[in-house]
Amino acid sequence: MDEAVEDADVVMALRIQRERMSDPLIPSSREYAKCYGISRTLLEKSRQDAIVMHPGPVNRGVEMNADVADGPRSVILDQVTNGVAVRMALLYLVAGAQGGQGWS
């Protein structure tokens, strides 16, 4: 992880579904957090202007610590908000909108 975030512009975690925490590949949430969780100490190895991303919702203390998720580098709330708008636009297009003129 240290090498992965070194000089990174963006540090992004993906969501681990709690129901999959029983998978033998993930021995425990504590071990996952220790090995792969984003902490302030880990984040300090990235660029000083690096942003933190996550698709939400964050499993605090597992995927990243609360001080990182709520910290000044976090753009998670913007990412989630924009993700909703993008999915709505894609559904609109996939559902058959023609030339932006409404539903077909």
N, C-alpha and C. Protein backbone atom coordinates (compact mmCIF):
# COMPACT_ATOMS: atom_id res chain seq x y z
N MET A 1 0.82 -1.18 0.00
CA MET A 1 0.00 0.00 0.00
C MET A 1 0.87 1.25 0.00
N ASP A 2 1.96 1.22 0.75
CA ASP A 2 2.84 2.39 0.79
C ASP A 2 3.31 2.76 -0.61
N GLU A 3 3.75 1.77 -1.35
CA GLU A 3 4.24 1.99 -2.71
C GLU A 3 3.11 2.45 -3.63
N ALA A 4 1.93 1.89 -3.43
CA ALA A 4 0.79 2.22 -4.29
C ALA A 4 0.37 3.69 -4.16
N VAL A 5 0.43 4.24 -2.98
CA VAL A 5 -0.02 5.62 -2.79
C VAL A 5 1.09 6.64 -2.91
N GLU A 6 2.33 6.18 -2.99
CA GLU A 6 3.46 7.10 -3.07
C GLU A 6 3.31 8.03 -4.27
N ASP A 7 3.29 9.32 -3.99
CA ASP A 7 3.17 10.37 -5.00
C ASP A 7 1.87 10.30 -5.81
N ALA A 8 0.85 9.63 -5.29
CA ALA A 8 -0.42 9.52 -6.00
C ALA A 8 -1.17 10.85 -5.98
N ASP A 9 -1.88 11.13 -7.07
CA ASP A 9 -2.75 12.31 -7.16
C ASP A 9 -4.11 12.02 -6.55
N VAL A 10 -4.54 10.75 -6.64
CA VAL A 10 -5.83 10.31 -6.14
C VAL A 10 -5.63 9.00 -5.38
N VAL A 11 -6.25 8.92 -4.21
CA VAL A 11 -6.25 7.68 -3.44
C VAL A 11 -7.71 7.27 -3.34
N MET A 12 -8.04 6.11 -3.91
CA MET A 12 -9.43 5.67 -3.96
C MET A 12 -9.57 4.28 -3.38
N ALA A 13 -10.57 4.14 -2.54
CA ALA A 13 -10.90 2.84 -1.98
C ALA A 13 -12.23 2.39 -2.57
N LEU A 14 -12.41 1.10 -2.68
CA LEU A 14 -13.69 0.56 -3.09
C LEU A 14 -14.40 -0.01 -1.88
N ARG A 15 -15.70 -0.15 -1.99
CA ARG A 15 -16.50 -0.60 -0.87
C ARG A 15 -16.44 -2.12 -0.74
N ILE A 16 -16.25 -2.57 0.48
CA ILE A 16 -16.33 -3.99 0.80
C ILE A 16 -17.72 -4.23 1.38
N GLN A 17 -18.48 -5.12 0.80
CA GLN A 17 -19.80 -5.42 1.33
C GLN A 17 -19.65 -6.28 2.58
N ARG A 18 -20.26 -5.82 3.65
CA ARG A 18 -20.14 -6.53 4.93
C ARG A 18 -20.54 -8.00 4.82
N GLU A 19 -21.54 -8.29 3.98
CA GLU A 19 -21.98 -9.67 3.85
C GLU A 19 -20.91 -10.56 3.21
N ARG A 20 -19.92 -9.95 2.58
CA ARG A 20 -18.84 -10.73 1.96
C ARG A 20 -17.63 -10.85 2.88
N MET A 21 -17.72 -10.26 4.05
CA MET A 21 -16.59 -10.31 4.98
C MET A 21 -16.35 -11.72 5.49
N SER A 22 -17.29 -12.62 5.29
CA SER A 22 -17.09 -14.01 5.72
C SER A 22 -16.32 -14.82 4.67
N ASP A 23 -16.03 -14.20 3.52
CA ASP A 23 -15.26 -14.86 2.46
C ASP A 23 -13.89 -15.26 3.01
N PRO A 24 -13.43 -16.47 2.73
CA PRO A 24 -12.13 -16.90 3.26
C PRO A 24 -10.95 -16.04 2.78
N LEU A 25 -11.15 -15.28 1.70
CA LEU A 25 -10.06 -14.42 1.23
C LEU A 25 -9.89 -13.18 2.12
N ILE A 26 -10.91 -12.88 2.94
CA ILE A 26 -10.84 -11.74 3.86
C ILE A 26 -11.03 -12.32 5.27
N PRO A 27 -9.93 -12.60 5.95
CA PRO A 27 -10.02 -13.26 7.26
C PRO A 27 -10.84 -12.48 8.29
N SER A 28 -10.70 -11.16 8.33
CA SER A 28 -11.47 -10.36 9.28
C SER A 28 -11.44 -8.90 8.83
N SER A 29 -12.42 -8.13 9.29
CA SER A 29 -12.43 -6.72 8.93
C SER A 29 -11.24 -6.00 9.56
N ARG A 30 -10.82 -6.44 10.72
CA ARG A 30 -9.65 -5.84 11.37
C ARG A 30 -8.38 -6.06 10.55
N GLU A 31 -8.22 -7.28 10.05
CA GLU A 31 -7.04 -7.57 9.24
C GLU A 31 -7.09 -6.82 7.91
N TYR A 32 -8.29 -6.75 7.30
CA TYR A 32 -8.45 -6.00 6.06
C TYR A 32 -8.05 -4.54 6.28
N ALA A 33 -8.55 -3.95 7.36
CA ALA A 33 -8.23 -2.55 7.67
C ALA A 33 -6.73 -2.36 7.86
N LYS A 34 -6.12 -3.29 8.54
CA LYS A 34 -4.67 -3.20 8.80
C LYS A 34 -3.87 -3.27 7.50
N CYS A 35 -4.28 -4.15 6.60
CA CYS A 35 -3.52 -4.35 5.36
C CYS A 35 -3.88 -3.37 4.25
N TYR A 36 -5.18 -3.02 4.14
CA TYR A 36 -5.64 -2.27 2.98
C TYR A 36 -6.38 -0.98 3.31
N GLY A 37 -6.68 -0.73 4.56
CA GLY A 37 -7.42 0.47 4.93
C GLY A 37 -6.59 1.73 4.73
N ILE A 38 -7.27 2.82 4.41
CA ILE A 38 -6.59 4.10 4.20
C ILE A 38 -6.63 4.89 5.51
N SER A 39 -5.47 5.12 6.04
CA SER A 39 -5.32 5.88 7.28
C SER A 39 -4.64 7.21 6.96
N ARG A 40 -4.65 8.11 7.92
CA ARG A 40 -3.96 9.38 7.73
C ARG A 40 -2.46 9.15 7.49
N THR A 41 -1.89 8.19 8.19
CA THR A 41 -0.46 7.88 8.03
C THR A 41 -0.17 7.42 6.60
N LEU A 42 -1.03 6.56 6.07
CA LEU A 42 -0.85 6.11 4.69
C LEU A 42 -1.05 7.27 3.72
N LEU A 43 -2.07 8.07 3.94
CA LEU A 43 -2.38 9.18 3.05
C LEU A 43 -1.23 10.20 2.99
N GLU A 44 -0.48 10.34 4.06
CA GLU A 44 0.65 11.26 4.08
C GLU A 44 1.73 10.88 3.07
N LYS A 45 1.71 9.66 2.59
CA LYS A 45 2.69 9.20 1.60
C LYS A 45 2.32 9.61 0.18
N SER A 46 1.08 10.06 0.00
CA SER A 46 0.65 10.54 -1.32
C SER A 46 1.05 12.00 -1.48
N ARG A 47 0.75 12.56 -2.62
CA ARG A 47 1.02 13.98 -2.84
C ARG A 47 0.22 14.81 -1.84
N GLN A 48 0.71 15.96 -1.48
CA GLN A 48 0.01 16.79 -0.49
C GLN A 48 -1.33 17.29 -0.99
N ASP A 49 -1.48 17.39 -2.31
CA ASP A 49 -2.76 17.86 -2.87
C ASP A 49 -3.61 16.70 -3.40
N ALA A 50 -3.25 15.47 -3.04
CA ALA A 50 -4.01 14.30 -3.49
C ALA A 50 -5.41 14.32 -2.87
N ILE A 51 -6.38 13.85 -3.65
CA ILE A 51 -7.75 13.75 -3.15
C ILE A 51 -8.05 12.31 -2.77
N VAL A 52 -9.06 12.14 -1.92
CA VAL A 52 -9.50 10.82 -1.48
C VAL A 52 -10.88 10.57 -2.06
N MET A 53 -11.04 9.41 -2.70
CA MET A 53 -12.32 9.05 -3.31
C MET A 53 -12.80 7.70 -2.78
N HIS A 54 -14.12 7.52 -2.83
CA HIS A 54 -14.77 6.27 -2.44
C HIS A 54 -16.20 6.36 -2.95
N PRO A 55 -16.75 5.29 -3.54
CA PRO A 55 -18.10 5.37 -4.10
C PRO A 55 -19.20 5.44 -3.05
N GLY A 56 -18.90 5.17 -1.81
CA GLY A 56 -19.87 5.24 -0.72
C GLY A 56 -20.81 4.05 -0.74
N PRO A 57 -21.43 3.76 0.35
CA PRO A 57 -21.11 4.29 1.68
C PRO A 57 -19.82 3.66 2.21
N VAL A 58 -19.13 4.42 3.01
CA VAL A 58 -17.83 3.98 3.55
C VAL A 58 -18.04 3.13 4.79
N ASN A 59 -17.38 2.00 4.84
CA ASN A 59 -17.30 1.21 6.07
C ASN A 59 -16.14 1.79 6.87
N ARG A 60 -16.48 2.76 7.71
CA ARG A 60 -15.45 3.48 8.47
C ARG A 60 -14.69 2.53 9.40
N GLY A 61 -13.40 2.70 9.40
CA GLY A 61 -12.56 1.84 10.20
C GLY A 61 -12.16 0.56 9.49
N VAL A 62 -12.74 0.32 8.32
CA VAL A 62 -12.37 -0.86 7.54
C VAL A 62 -11.70 -0.39 6.25
N GLU A 63 -12.45 0.25 5.37
CA GLU A 63 -11.87 0.72 4.11
C GLU A 63 -11.03 1.98 4.31
N MET A 64 -11.47 2.82 5.21
CA MET A 64 -10.70 4.01 5.57
C MET A 64 -11.15 4.51 6.93
N ASN A 65 -10.26 5.23 7.56
CA ASN A 65 -10.57 5.81 8.86
C ASN A 65 -11.48 7.02 8.68
N ALA A 66 -12.26 7.32 9.70
CA ALA A 66 -13.21 8.43 9.65
C ALA A 66 -12.51 9.76 9.41
N ASP A 67 -11.33 9.95 10.00
CA ASP A 67 -10.63 11.23 9.80
C ASP A 67 -10.19 11.43 8.36
N VAL A 68 -10.01 10.35 7.61
CA VAL A 68 -9.69 10.44 6.19
C VAL A 68 -10.97 10.69 5.39
N ALA A 69 -12.02 9.92 5.68
CA ALA A 69 -13.28 10.05 4.96
C ALA A 69 -13.88 11.44 5.12
N ASP A 70 -13.73 12.03 6.29
CA ASP A 70 -14.29 13.35 6.58
C ASP A 70 -13.26 14.47 6.48
N GLY A 71 -12.06 14.13 6.08
CA GLY A 71 -10.97 15.09 6.07
C GLY A 71 -11.02 16.07 4.90
N PRO A 72 -10.12 17.03 4.91
CA PRO A 72 -10.11 18.08 3.90
C PRO A 72 -9.79 17.60 2.49
N ARG A 73 -9.17 16.44 2.36
CA ARG A 73 -8.84 15.92 1.03
C ARG A 73 -9.98 15.10 0.41
N SER A 74 -10.97 14.76 1.21
CA SER A 74 -12.05 13.89 0.76
C SER A 74 -12.99 14.60 -0.19
N VAL A 75 -13.28 13.93 -1.31
CA VAL A 75 -14.29 14.41 -2.26
C VAL A 75 -15.40 13.37 -2.39
N ILE A 76 -15.53 12.56 -1.35
CA ILE A 76 -16.48 11.44 -1.38
C ILE A 76 -17.91 11.92 -1.56
N LEU A 77 -18.34 12.93 -0.82
CA LEU A 77 -19.71 13.41 -0.94
C LEU A 77 -19.99 13.94 -2.34
N ASP A 78 -19.03 14.66 -2.92
CA ASP A 78 -19.19 15.13 -4.30
C ASP A 78 -19.26 13.95 -5.27
N GLN A 79 -18.41 12.97 -5.05
CA GLN A 79 -18.38 11.80 -5.92
C GLN A 79 -19.71 11.06 -5.87
N VAL A 80 -20.26 10.87 -4.69
CA VAL A 80 -21.55 10.17 -4.55
C VAL A 80 -22.65 10.98 -5.21
N THR A 81 -22.69 12.28 -4.96
CA THR A 81 -23.72 13.15 -5.54
C THR A 81 -23.65 13.13 -7.06
N ASN A 82 -22.47 13.29 -7.60
CA ASN A 82 -22.31 13.28 -9.05
C ASN A 82 -22.60 11.91 -9.65
N GLY A 83 -22.30 10.86 -8.92
CA GLY A 83 -22.57 9.52 -9.39
C GLY A 83 -24.06 9.28 -9.58
N VAL A 84 -24.87 9.83 -8.70
CA VAL A 84 -26.33 9.70 -8.84
C VAL A 84 -26.78 10.38 -10.12
N ALA A 85 -26.31 11.60 -10.37
CA ALA A 85 -26.70 12.34 -11.57
C ALA A 85 -26.25 11.61 -12.84
N VAL A 86 -25.06 11.07 -12.83
CA VAL A 86 -24.55 10.35 -14.00
C VAL A 86 -25.39 9.10 -14.26
N ARG A 87 -25.72 8.35 -13.20
CA ARG A 87 -26.54 7.15 -13.39
C ARG A 87 -27.94 7.51 -13.90
N MET A 88 -28.50 8.59 -13.40
CA MET A 88 -29.82 9.02 -13.88
C MET A 88 -29.75 9.37 -15.37
N ALA A 89 -28.70 10.07 -15.78
CA ALA A 89 -28.56 10.44 -17.19
C ALA A 89 -28.38 9.21 -18.06
N LEU A 90 -27.60 8.25 -17.60
CA LEU A 90 -27.40 7.02 -18.37
C LEU A 90 -28.69 6.22 -18.49
N LEU A 91 -29.44 6.13 -17.41
CA LEU A 91 -30.73 5.43 -17.47
C LEU A 91 -31.67 6.11 -18.45
N TYR A 92 -31.67 7.42 -18.45
CA TYR A 92 -32.50 8.20 -19.37
C TYR A 92 -32.14 7.85 -20.82
N LEU A 93 -30.84 7.81 -21.11
CA LEU A 93 -30.39 7.51 -22.47
C LEU A 93 -30.67 6.06 -22.85
N VAL A 94 -30.40 5.15 -21.94
CA VAL A 94 -30.61 3.74 -22.22
C VAL A 94 -32.10 3.43 -22.39
N ALA A 95 -32.94 4.16 -21.67
CA ALA A 95 -34.38 3.91 -21.74
C ALA A 95 -34.99 4.40 -23.06
N GLY A 96 -34.18 5.06 -23.87
CA GLY A 96 -34.66 5.40 -25.20
C GLY A 96 -34.85 6.86 -25.50
N ALA A 97 -34.23 7.74 -24.75
CA ALA A 97 -34.33 9.16 -25.08
C ALA A 97 -33.74 9.39 -26.46
N GLN A 98 -34.41 10.18 -27.28
CA GLN A 98 -33.93 10.45 -28.63
C GLN A 98 -33.64 11.94 -28.76
N GLY A 99 -32.37 12.23 -29.02
CA GLY A 99 -31.97 13.61 -29.25
C GLY A 99 -32.25 14.53 -28.07
N GLY A 100 -32.32 13.97 -26.87
CA GLY A 100 -32.57 14.80 -25.70
C GLY A 100 -33.97 15.37 -25.64
N GLN A 101 -34.90 14.79 -26.41
CA GLN A 101 -36.26 15.34 -26.50
C GLN A 101 -37.28 14.55 -25.69
N GLY A 102 -36.86 13.93 -24.61
CA GLY A 102 -37.82 13.22 -23.78
C GLY A 102 -37.79 11.72 -24.03
N TRP A 103 -38.72 11.04 -23.41
CA TRP A 103 -38.79 9.59 -23.50
C TRP A 103 -39.39 9.16 -24.84
N SER A 104 -38.93 8.08 -25.35
CA SER A 104 -39.49 7.57 -26.61
C SER A 104 -40.48 6.46 -26.34
